[in-house]
Amino acid sequence: MSENSAQTIESLCDLPEDQRLDRIARVQREILPRVRVSEELADGFALEFDADMRERVEQLVTLERQCCSSIDWQVEEARSRPGVRLEVRGVDPRRGAFAELFGQAGNARADGPAAGSLTRVAKAGGIGVGAALLICCVLPIGAAAIGGAALAAPLAGLDQPVIIGATALAAGAFAWRRGSKRAAESSCEAGC
């Protein structure tokens, strides 16, 4: 491992603090959310992006080579599918500020955009947010799925899917119409 592995961004980057903080904010805002795959390397890490990110990644590398010249920045073709791969070598992928800055990218996008959103929400709110998501989102959806399957199971033996579908649509339309009338009546009572 290189001697850079235990160093901080401040000790590796030649930019003044305000410019360095602006650069970090730009990377966090424009680059990291677009990471598709991350990979830990023995002496750094690799990030893969969709092909439309090539120009932004190359611009970032050009800028980083000027201020962080002791780190090896390489852009190449992505390995997992068409796209661009950024390899950063000469930093410890598990420690220090570079690990915090770039290492979070893999957590954010390894399984797609939704995984990144959930990770950011969980980090921002902690266990309370996780419990609220479980109680308000996961449990009702799971209960509806189980309940729907339990109600639909006896109908599986019937050989009239068109009639079953039409009946379900009619029942839904009836319920919607009834709810619409109630909403109109309650709003009319308040101000008609």
Protein backbone atom coordinates (compact mmCIF):
# COMPACT_ATOMS: atom_id res chain seq x y z
CA MET A 1 0.00 0.00 0.00
CA SER A 2 1.31 3.44 -0.81
CA GLU A 3 2.20 6.01 1.77
CA ASN A 4 -0.93 7.93 0.75
CA SER A 5 -3.16 5.33 2.33
CA ALA A 6 -3.33 6.94 5.76
CA GLN A 7 -3.24 10.55 4.57
CA THR A 8 -6.17 12.92 4.45
CA ILE A 9 -7.53 14.73 1.41
CA GLU A 10 -6.05 17.94 2.80
CA SER A 11 -2.54 16.49 2.78
CA LEU A 12 -2.87 15.07 -0.74
CA CYS A 13 -4.71 17.92 -2.47
CA ASP A 14 -2.98 21.15 -3.47
CA LEU A 15 -6.18 23.18 -3.74
CA PRO A 16 -7.00 25.92 -1.24
CA GLU A 17 -9.65 24.85 1.26
CA ASP A 18 -12.58 26.72 -0.35
CA GLN A 19 -11.86 25.27 -3.80
CA ARG A 20 -11.31 21.80 -2.35
CA LEU A 21 -14.65 21.93 -0.51
CA ASP A 22 -16.38 23.13 -3.70
CA ARG A 23 -14.81 20.24 -5.64
CA ILE A 24 -15.89 17.70 -3.02
CA ALA A 25 -19.44 19.09 -3.05
CA ARG A 26 -19.52 18.89 -6.86
CA VAL A 27 -18.32 15.28 -6.83
CA GLN A 28 -20.92 14.37 -4.22
CA ARG A 29 -23.67 16.15 -6.15
CA GLU A 30 -22.86 15.32 -9.79
CA ILE A 31 -20.62 12.24 -9.88
CA LEU A 32 -21.30 9.91 -6.94
CA PRO A 33 -25.07 9.63 -7.43
CA ARG A 34 -24.40 8.26 -10.92
CA VAL A 35 -22.10 5.42 -9.80
CA ARG A 36 -23.43 2.14 -11.14
CA VAL A 37 -20.87 -0.27 -9.62
CA SER A 38 -18.03 0.15 -7.15
CA GLU A 39 -15.16 -2.19 -6.53
CA GLU A 40 -12.50 -2.19 -3.87
CA LEU A 41 -8.96 -2.64 -5.22
CA ALA A 42 -5.87 -3.60 -3.23
CA ASP A 43 -4.49 -0.08 -3.54
CA GLY A 44 -7.61 1.96 -4.22
CA PHE A 45 -11.05 1.58 -5.71
CA ALA A 46 -12.90 1.59 -9.02
CA LEU A 47 -16.21 3.18 -9.91
CA GLU A 48 -18.26 2.37 -13.00
CA PHE A 49 -20.72 4.72 -14.67
CA ASP A 50 -23.08 4.64 -17.63
CA ALA A 51 -21.50 5.72 -20.93
CA ASP A 52 -23.16 9.18 -20.81
CA MET A 53 -20.89 10.04 -17.84
CA ARG A 54 -17.62 9.67 -19.78
CA GLU A 55 -17.10 13.40 -20.35
CA ARG A 56 -17.82 14.33 -16.71
CA VAL A 57 -15.54 11.59 -15.39
CA GLU A 58 -12.73 12.61 -17.75
CA GLN A 59 -13.13 16.26 -16.70
CA LEU A 60 -12.95 15.22 -13.04
CA VAL A 61 -9.81 13.17 -13.66
CA THR A 62 -8.15 16.05 -15.52
CA LEU A 63 -8.83 18.36 -12.57
CA GLU A 64 -7.81 15.81 -9.96
CA ARG A 65 -4.51 15.04 -11.68
CA GLN A 66 -3.61 18.72 -11.33
CA CYS A 67 -4.22 18.99 -7.58
CA CYS A 68 -3.79 15.39 -6.38
CA SER A 69 -0.85 14.31 -8.53
CA SER A 70 0.39 11.68 -6.05
CA ILE A 71 -2.75 9.62 -6.75
CA ASP A 72 -3.15 7.55 -9.92
CA TRP A 73 -6.41 8.42 -11.75
CA GLN A 74 -7.30 6.22 -14.75
CA VAL A 75 -10.34 6.22 -17.03
CA GLU A 76 -11.09 3.13 -19.11
CA GLU A 77 -13.98 1.12 -20.52
CA ALA A 78 -16.31 -0.38 -17.89
CA ARG A 79 -15.99 -4.13 -17.35
CA SER A 80 -19.52 -5.03 -16.26
CA ARG A 81 -21.40 -3.55 -19.25
CA PRO A 82 -20.90 -0.64 -21.67
CA GLY A 83 -19.85 2.46 -19.81
CA VAL A 84 -16.85 4.14 -18.24
CA ARG A 85 -14.65 2.98 -15.35
CA LEU A 86 -12.69 5.27 -13.03
CA GLU A 87 -9.82 3.64 -11.15
CA VAL A 88 -8.25 5.56 -8.28
CA ARG A 89 -5.03 4.00 -7.00
CA GLY A 90 -2.68 5.07 -4.26
CA VAL A 91 -5.28 5.46 -1.50
CA ASP A 92 -6.58 3.06 1.11
CA PRO A 93 -10.09 2.02 0.05
CA ARG A 94 -11.08 1.29 3.65
CA ARG A 95 -9.70 4.25 5.60
CA GLY A 96 -9.44 7.98 5.44
CA ALA A 97 -11.32 10.70 3.67
CA PHE A 98 -11.06 9.15 0.20
CA ALA A 99 -12.74 6.01 1.51
CA GLU A 100 -15.53 8.13 2.98
CA LEU A 101 -15.93 10.27 -0.13
CA PHE A 102 -15.72 7.63 -2.85
CA GLY A 103 -16.48 4.48 -0.88
CA GLN A 104 -20.05 5.61 -0.24
CA ALA A 105 -20.65 5.52 -3.98
CA GLY A 106 -20.82 1.75 -4.06
CA ASN A 107 -23.36 1.69 -1.29
CA ALA A 108 -25.36 4.32 -3.07
CA ARG A 109 -25.70 2.66 -6.44
CA ALA A 110 -24.69 -0.97 -6.25
CA ASP A 111 -28.27 -2.14 -6.55
CA GLY A 112 -29.74 0.76 -8.48
CA PRO A 113 -31.09 4.21 -7.72
CA ALA A 114 -33.62 3.05 -5.14
CA ALA A 115 -30.89 1.48 -3.03
CA GLY A 116 -29.06 4.81 -2.96
CA SER A 117 -32.15 6.68 -1.81
CA LEU A 118 -32.83 4.23 0.98
CA THR A 119 -29.21 4.31 2.10
CA ARG A 120 -29.20 8.11 2.26
CA VAL A 121 -32.53 8.16 4.14
CA ALA A 122 -31.28 5.58 6.62
CA LYS A 123 -28.03 7.48 7.22
CA ALA A 124 -29.89 10.77 7.65
CA GLY A 125 -32.56 9.52 10.04
CA GLY A 126 -31.13 6.46 11.71
CA ILE A 127 -33.27 3.79 13.31
CA GLY A 128 -36.36 5.99 13.57
CA VAL A 129 -36.57 6.38 9.80
CA GLY A 130 -36.03 2.66 9.35
CA ALA A 131 -38.81 1.83 11.79
CA ALA A 132 -41.17 4.35 10.15
CA LEU A 133 -40.46 2.90 6.70
CA LEU A 134 -41.12 -0.58 8.00
CA ILE A 135 -44.35 0.34 9.76
CA CYS A 136 -45.74 2.73 7.14
CA CYS A 137 -44.56 1.15 3.89
CA VAL A 138 -43.40 -2.43 4.16
CA LEU A 139 -46.01 -3.84 6.53
CA PRO A 140 -49.10 -2.42 4.73
CA ILE A 141 -47.84 -3.55 1.33
CA GLY A 142 -46.98 -6.97 2.69
CA ALA A 143 -50.36 -7.29 4.41
CA ALA A 144 -52.16 -6.28 1.21
CA ALA A 145 -50.17 -8.80 -0.81
CA ILE A 146 -50.87 -11.63 1.62
CA GLY A 147 -54.53 -10.67 1.95
CA GLY A 148 -54.96 -10.39 -1.81
CA ALA A 149 -53.35 -13.76 -2.33
CA ALA A 150 -55.60 -15.31 0.32
CA LEU A 151 -58.71 -13.85 -1.35
CA ALA A 152 -57.59 -14.78 -4.86
CA ALA A 153 -56.60 -18.36 -4.02
CA PRO A 154 -60.17 -19.75 -4.11
CA LEU A 155 -60.72 -18.00 -7.45
CA ALA A 156 -57.73 -19.72 -9.01
CA GLY A 157 -59.81 -22.82 -9.65
CA LEU A 158 -62.32 -20.88 -11.72
CA ASP A 159 -61.81 -20.96 -15.43
CA GLN A 160 -63.27 -17.55 -16.26
CA PRO A 161 -60.46 -14.95 -15.97
CA VAL A 162 -62.36 -12.40 -18.09
CA ILE A 163 -65.39 -12.52 -15.80
CA ILE A 164 -63.20 -12.31 -12.70
CA GLY A 165 -61.32 -9.33 -14.14
CA ALA A 166 -64.51 -7.54 -15.19
CA THR A 167 -66.04 -8.11 -11.74
CA ALA A 168 -62.93 -6.70 -10.06
CA LEU A 169 -63.01 -3.63 -12.31
CA ALA A 170 -66.71 -3.10 -11.62
CA ALA A 171 -66.19 -3.41 -7.86
CA GLY A 172 -63.30 -0.93 -8.03
CA ALA A 173 -65.33 1.54 -10.10
CA PHE A 174 -68.24 1.24 -7.65
CA ALA A 175 -65.97 1.89 -4.67
CA TRP A 176 -64.33 4.85 -6.42
CA ARG A 177 -67.67 6.36 -7.41
CA ARG A 178 -69.02 5.96 -3.89
CA GLY A 179 -65.90 7.62 -2.44
CA SER A 180 -66.16 10.47 -4.96
CA LYS A 181 -69.78 11.13 -4.00
CA ARG A 182 -68.90 11.22 -0.30
CA ALA A 183 -66.03 13.63 -0.94
CA ALA A 184 -68.30 15.91 -3.02
CA GLU A 185 -71.04 15.84 -0.38
CA SER A 186 -68.66 16.65 2.46
CA SER A 187 -67.06 19.54 0.55
CA CYS A 188 -70.50 20.83 -0.45
CA GLU A 189 -71.72 20.76 3.16
CA ALA A 190 -68.78 22.93 4.16
CA GLY A 191 -69.18 25.65 1.57
CA CYS A 192 -72.04 25.25 -0.98
